Every structure is written in C-alpha cells, then in structure tokens.
Amino acid sequence: MQPSMLSVSIAAAVLFALAEIADWRRRNRHDVDNVGFMPWRGIALVSVAVALLSAVVWLHQQ
C-alpha cells in the first residue's frame, strides 16, 4: 500500500523539526572542537522542500 502524500509531507515536516533542533544544539555547543559530521542545515532544507512539494501534490490530487 502506498503512503499518501499527506503522510510523506508530515514525516518530512517532523524530520525538518528534528534537524532544526539538532542544528540549534550544534550551534550552541560548549566544546567548540566537537563539530560532528551531520549536515543538519542541508537535511533541514531538503526535508522542507520535500514537505512542501508533497503537500502541493496532495492538494492537487484532492
């Protein structure tokens, strides 16, 4: 069964929120040398693009 575009949009929005929280934690870290390796800003941008596009497709199908 294929997931609806609304559920894809919701999942991408949740991923966006998690990536923004992780990016905020990385920007406010105490140890400046402990930068990590995840590109949280890029993940947030891609997930918000997926959320918007899937919401547009879902609305167009209605």
Protein backbone atom coordinates (compact mmCIF):
# COMPACT_ATOMS: atom_id res chain seq x y z
CA MET A 1 0.00 0.00 0.00
CA GLN A 2 1.42 3.35 -0.99
CA PRO A 3 1.58 6.07 1.63
CA SER A 4 -0.42 9.15 0.83
CA MET A 5 1.38 12.36 0.03
CA LEU A 6 -0.02 13.88 3.21
CA SER A 7 1.81 11.32 5.35
CA VAL A 8 5.03 11.94 3.38
CA SER A 9 4.58 15.66 3.99
CA ILE A 10 4.03 15.15 7.72
CA ALA A 11 7.05 12.87 8.02
CA ALA A 12 9.24 15.38 6.19
CA ALA A 13 7.99 18.18 8.44
CA VAL A 14 8.87 16.12 11.52
CA LEU A 15 12.33 15.46 10.07
CA PHE A 16 12.67 19.20 9.45
CA ALA A 17 11.86 19.95 13.09
CA LEU A 18 14.36 17.35 14.32
CA ALA A 19 17.07 18.68 12.03
CA GLU A 20 16.48 22.24 13.21
CA ILE A 21 16.71 21.15 16.85
CA ALA A 22 19.93 19.25 16.14
CA ASP A 23 21.38 22.22 14.27
CA TRP A 24 20.48 24.53 17.15
CA ARG A 25 22.20 22.16 19.59
CA ARG A 26 25.27 22.08 17.36
CA ARG A 27 25.43 25.88 17.14
CA ASN A 28 25.12 26.21 20.95
CA ARG A 29 27.61 23.50 21.93
CA HIS A 30 30.07 24.03 24.77
CA ASP A 31 33.01 22.24 23.16
CA VAL A 32 33.86 24.25 20.03
CA ASP A 33 36.06 21.47 18.62
CA ASN A 34 33.27 18.88 18.76
CA VAL A 35 31.55 19.78 15.48
CA GLY A 36 30.09 16.44 14.41
CA PHE A 37 29.61 15.20 10.86
CA MET A 38 25.89 15.50 10.07
CA PRO A 39 24.93 18.33 7.69
CA TRP A 40 21.84 19.36 9.68
CA ARG A 41 21.23 22.54 7.68
CA GLY A 42 21.18 20.58 4.40
CA ILE A 43 18.93 17.91 5.87
CA ALA A 44 16.52 20.62 7.05
CA LEU A 45 16.45 22.30 3.65
CA VAL A 46 15.83 19.07 1.75
CA SER A 47 13.14 17.93 4.18
CA VAL A 48 11.25 21.23 4.00
CA ALA A 49 11.39 21.06 0.18
CA VAL A 50 10.01 17.50 0.25
CA ALA A 51 7.30 18.54 2.72
CA LEU A 52 6.18 21.46 0.56
CA LEU A 53 6.26 19.53 -2.71
CA SER A 54 4.39 16.55 -1.32
CA ALA A 55 1.78 18.86 0.23
CA VAL A 56 1.30 20.54 -3.15
CA VAL A 57 0.90 17.15 -4.86
CA TRP A 58 -1.55 16.03 -2.17
CA LEU A 59 -3.62 19.19 -2.60
CA HIS A 60 -3.57 18.79 -6.37
CA GLN A 61 -4.91 15.23 -6.05
CA GLN A 62 -7.86 16.42 -3.97
